């Protein structure tokens, strides 16, 4: 009888158990975030270029064509693009006269305009 308990124990200990994170990785391609990221990356690629000839142009060509480097910058990236959008939105919110919840901040900004840049 002891051999049966040993056999069951060995079978249980050696059976393949898939960790939870591995199951999550199998389904990552079905998530909404994956599909959005995939769409952004695909639209950034230039499929008219042979990747063996110019890999950088193949992978980034359309993004560079759609997002030229602004004249006041020496480089440009997706992060800078996002930061510019956030900065413009914040500037609009702060300077909007209809937005009364920012009144205290506007008072401080107007008090020392040389220290708080636009």
C-alpha atoms as a PDB file:
ATOM      1  CA  UNK A   1       0.000   0.000   0.000  1.00  0.00           C
ATOM      2  CA  UNK A   2       2.909   2.370   0.692  1.00  0.00           C
ATOM      3  CA  UNK A   3       3.988   2.035  -2.941  1.00  0.00           C
ATOM      4  CA  UNK A   4       0.570   3.319  -4.080  1.00  0.00           C
ATOM      5  CA  UNK A   5       0.891   6.455  -1.965  1.00  0.00           C
ATOM      6  CA  UNK A   6       4.434   6.952  -3.294  1.00  0.00           C
ATOM      7  CA  UNK A   7       3.199   6.520  -6.866  1.00  0.00           C
ATOM      8  CA  UNK A   8       0.368   9.051  -6.415  1.00  0.00           C
ATOM      9  CA  UNK A   9       2.752  11.528  -4.784  1.00  0.00           C
ATOM     10  CA  UNK A  10       5.281  11.191  -7.612  1.00  0.00           C
ATOM     11  CA  UNK A  11       2.591  11.568 -10.269  1.00  0.00           C
ATOM     12  CA  UNK A  12       1.263  14.706  -8.623  1.00  0.00           C
ATOM     13  CA  UNK A  13       4.701  16.250  -8.149  1.00  0.00           C
ATOM     14  CA  UNK A  14       5.823  15.605 -11.714  1.00  0.00           C
ATOM     15  CA  UNK A  15       2.619  16.617 -13.498  1.00  0.00           C
ATOM     16  CA  UNK A  16       2.977  19.757 -15.602  1.00  0.00           C
ATOM     17  CA  UNK A  17       1.312  22.683 -13.900  1.00  0.00           C
ATOM     18  CA  UNK A  18       1.078  25.839 -15.970  1.00  0.00           C
ATOM     19  CA  UNK A  19       1.615  28.968 -13.887  1.00  0.00           C
ATOM     20  CA  UNK A  20      -1.143  31.581 -14.082  1.00  0.00           C
ATOM     21  CA  UNK A  21       1.070  34.179 -15.768  1.00  0.00           C
ATOM     22  CA  UNK A  22       1.762  31.780 -18.647  1.00  0.00           C
ATOM     23  CA  UNK A  23      -1.977  31.429 -19.263  1.00  0.00           C
ATOM     24  CA  UNK A  24      -2.265  35.232 -19.261  1.00  0.00           C
ATOM     25  CA  UNK A  25       0.505  35.456 -21.875  1.00  0.00           C
ATOM     26  CA  UNK A  26      -1.368  33.063 -24.160  1.00  0.00           C
ATOM     27  CA  UNK A  27      -4.370  35.429 -24.230  1.00  0.00           C
ATOM     28  CA  UNK A  28      -2.487  38.733 -24.511  1.00  0.00           C
ATOM     29  CA  UNK A  29      -3.120  38.915 -28.264  1.00  0.00           C
ATOM     30  CA  UNK A  30      -6.865  39.093 -27.619  1.00  0.00           C
ATOM     31  CA  UNK A  31      -6.830  42.136 -25.337  1.00  0.00           C
ATOM     32  CA  UNK A  32      -8.026  45.576 -26.423  1.00  0.00           C
ATOM     33  CA  UNK A  33      -4.702  47.181 -25.480  1.00  0.00           C
ATOM     34  CA  UNK A  34      -2.796  44.733 -27.659  1.00  0.00           C
ATOM     35  CA  UNK A  35      -5.026  45.494 -30.623  1.00  0.00           C
ATOM     36  CA  UNK A  36      -4.601  49.264 -30.186  1.00  0.00           C
ATOM     37  CA  UNK A  37      -0.815  48.965 -29.872  1.00  0.00           C
ATOM     38  CA  UNK A  38      -0.689  46.637 -32.871  1.00  0.00           C
ATOM     39  CA  UNK A  39      -2.699  49.115 -34.945  1.00  0.00           C
ATOM     40  CA  UNK A  40      -0.420  52.025 -33.976  1.00  0.00           C
ATOM     41  CA  UNK A  41       2.716  50.045 -34.806  1.00  0.00           C
ATOM     42  CA  UNK A  42       1.323  48.769 -38.104  1.00  0.00           C
ATOM     43  CA  UNK A  43       0.354  52.289 -39.207  1.00  0.00           C
ATOM     44  CA  UNK A  44       3.882  53.473 -38.360  1.00  0.00           C
ATOM     45  CA  UNK A  45       5.529  50.960 -40.690  1.00  0.00           C
ATOM     46  CA  UNK A  46       6.447  51.606 -44.320  1.00  0.00           C
ATOM     47  CA  UNK A  47       5.712  48.333 -46.110  1.00  0.00           C
ATOM     48  CA  UNK A  48       6.926  49.676 -49.465  1.00  0.00           C
ATOM     49  CA  UNK A  49      10.539  49.422 -48.234  1.00  0.00           C
ATOM     50  CA  UNK A  50      12.474  46.163 -48.138  1.00  0.00           C
ATOM     51  CA  UNK A  51      13.416  45.540 -44.465  1.00  0.00           C
ATOM     52  CA  UNK A  52      16.689  43.930 -45.589  1.00  0.00           C
ATOM     53  CA  UNK A  53      17.663  47.160 -47.365  1.00  0.00           C
ATOM     54  CA  UNK A  54      16.562  49.792 -44.823  1.00  0.00           C
ATOM     55  CA  UNK A  55      15.129  48.345 -41.617  1.00  0.00           C
ATOM     56  CA  UNK A  56      14.722  51.723 -39.895  1.00  0.00           C
ATOM     57  CA  UNK A  57      12.656  53.128 -42.788  1.00  0.00           C
ATOM     58  CA  UNK A  58      10.627  49.900 -42.865  1.00  0.00           C
ATOM     59  CA  UNK A  59       9.763  50.060 -39.161  1.00  0.00           C
ATOM     60  CA  UNK A  60       9.403  53.835 -38.653  1.00  0.00           C
ATOM     61  CA  UNK A  61       8.938  55.355 -42.114  1.00  0.00           C
ATOM     62  CA  UNK A  62       5.226  56.209 -41.939  1.00  0.00           C
ATOM     63  CA  UNK A  63       5.482  57.640 -38.411  1.00  0.00           C
ATOM     64  CA  UNK A  64       8.331  59.920 -39.445  1.00  0.00           C
ATOM     65  CA  UNK A  65       6.429  61.033 -42.568  1.00  0.00           C
ATOM     66  CA  UNK A  66       3.297  61.856 -40.535  1.00  0.00           C
ATOM     67  CA  UNK A  67       5.181  63.508 -37.631  1.00  0.00           C
ATOM     68  CA  UNK A  68       7.924  65.788 -38.958  1.00  0.00           C
ATOM     69  CA  UNK A  69      10.372  67.217 -36.417  1.00  0.00           C
ATOM     70  CA  UNK A  70       9.140  70.692 -35.381  1.00  0.00           C
ATOM     71  CA  UNK A  71      11.555  73.521 -36.185  1.00  0.00           C
ATOM     72  CA  UNK A  72      12.053  74.339 -32.484  1.00  0.00           C
ATOM     73  CA  UNK A  73      13.156  70.762 -31.629  1.00  0.00           C
ATOM     74  CA  UNK A  74      16.232  68.725 -32.463  1.00  0.00           C
ATOM     75  CA  UNK A  75      14.352  65.409 -32.171  1.00  0.00           C
ATOM     76  CA  UNK A  76      10.787  64.150 -31.889  1.00  0.00           C
ATOM     77  CA  UNK A  77       9.201  60.978 -30.533  1.00  0.00           C
ATOM     78  CA  UNK A  78       5.857  59.532 -29.503  1.00  0.00           C
ATOM     79  CA  UNK A  79       6.552  60.617 -25.908  1.00  0.00           C
ATOM     80  CA  UNK A  80       7.315  64.207 -26.912  1.00  0.00           C
ATOM     81  CA  UNK A  81       4.202  64.205 -29.103  1.00  0.00           C
ATOM     82  CA  UNK A  82       2.083  63.092 -26.132  1.00  0.00           C
ATOM     83  CA  UNK A  83       3.749  65.615 -23.797  1.00  0.00           C
ATOM     84  CA  UNK A  84       2.997  68.412 -26.282  1.00  0.00           C
ATOM     85  CA  UNK A  85      -0.667  67.390 -26.443  1.00  0.00           C
ATOM     86  CA  UNK A  86      -0.939  67.313 -22.625  1.00  0.00           C
ATOM     87  CA  UNK A  87       0.828  70.677 -22.340  1.00  0.00           C
ATOM     88  CA  UNK A  88      -1.526  72.277 -24.890  1.00  0.00           C
ATOM     89  CA  UNK A  89      -4.596  70.861 -23.134  1.00  0.00           C
ATOM     90  CA  UNK A  90      -3.394  72.098 -19.725  1.00  0.00           C
ATOM     91  CA  UNK A  91      -2.637  75.542 -21.148  1.00  0.00           C
ATOM     92  CA  UNK A  92      -6.179  75.686 -22.563  1.00  0.00           C
ATOM     93  CA  UNK A  93      -7.725  74.609 -19.254  1.00  0.00           C
ATOM     94  CA  UNK A  94      -5.734  77.094 -17.197  1.00  0.00           C
ATOM     95  CA  UNK A  95      -6.302  80.062 -19.473  1.00  0.00           C
ATOM     96  CA  UNK A  96     -10.005  79.332 -19.991  1.00  0.00           C
ATOM     97  CA  UNK A  97     -12.069  81.999 -18.240  1.00  0.00           C
ATOM     98  CA  UNK A  98     -15.064  79.660 -18.022  1.00  0.00           C
ATOM     99  CA  UNK A  99     -13.209  77.280 -15.731  1.00  0.00           C
ATOM    100  CA  UNK A 100     -13.687  78.669 -12.213  1.00  0.00           C
ATOM    101  CA  UNK A 101     -12.169  75.725 -10.345  1.00  0.00           C
ATOM    102  CA  UNK A 102      -8.690  76.888 -11.404  1.00  0.00           C
ATOM    103  CA  UNK A 103      -9.196  80.408 -10.037  1.00  0.00           C
ATOM    104  CA  UNK A 104      -6.545  80.089  -7.282  1.00  0.00           C
ATOM    105  CA  UNK A 105      -3.976  78.702  -9.672  1.00  0.00           C
ATOM    106  CA  UNK A 106      -4.692  81.480 -12.189  1.00  0.00           C
ATOM    107  CA  UNK A 107      -4.202  84.101  -9.485  1.00  0.00           C
ATOM    108  CA  UNK A 108      -0.771  82.682  -8.607  1.00  0.00           C
ATOM    109  CA  UNK A 109       0.196  82.376 -12.260  1.00  0.00           C
ATOM    110  CA  UNK A 110      -0.745  86.003 -12.932  1.00  0.00           C
ATOM    111  CA  UNK A 111       1.099  87.150  -9.809  1.00  0.00           C
ATOM    112  CA  UNK A 112       4.444  85.815 -10.988  1.00  0.00           C
ATOM    113  CA  UNK A 113       4.282  85.293 -14.781  1.00  0.00           C
ATOM    114  CA  UNK A 114       8.050  85.471 -15.217  1.00  0.00           C
ATOM    115  CA  UNK A 115       8.563  82.396 -13.011  1.00  0.00           C
ATOM    116  CA  UNK A 116       5.785  80.187 -14.432  1.00  0.00           C
ATOM    117  CA  UNK A 117       6.310  79.657 -18.152  1.00  0.00           C
ATOM    118  CA  UNK A 118       3.638  79.182 -20.765  1.00  0.00           C
END
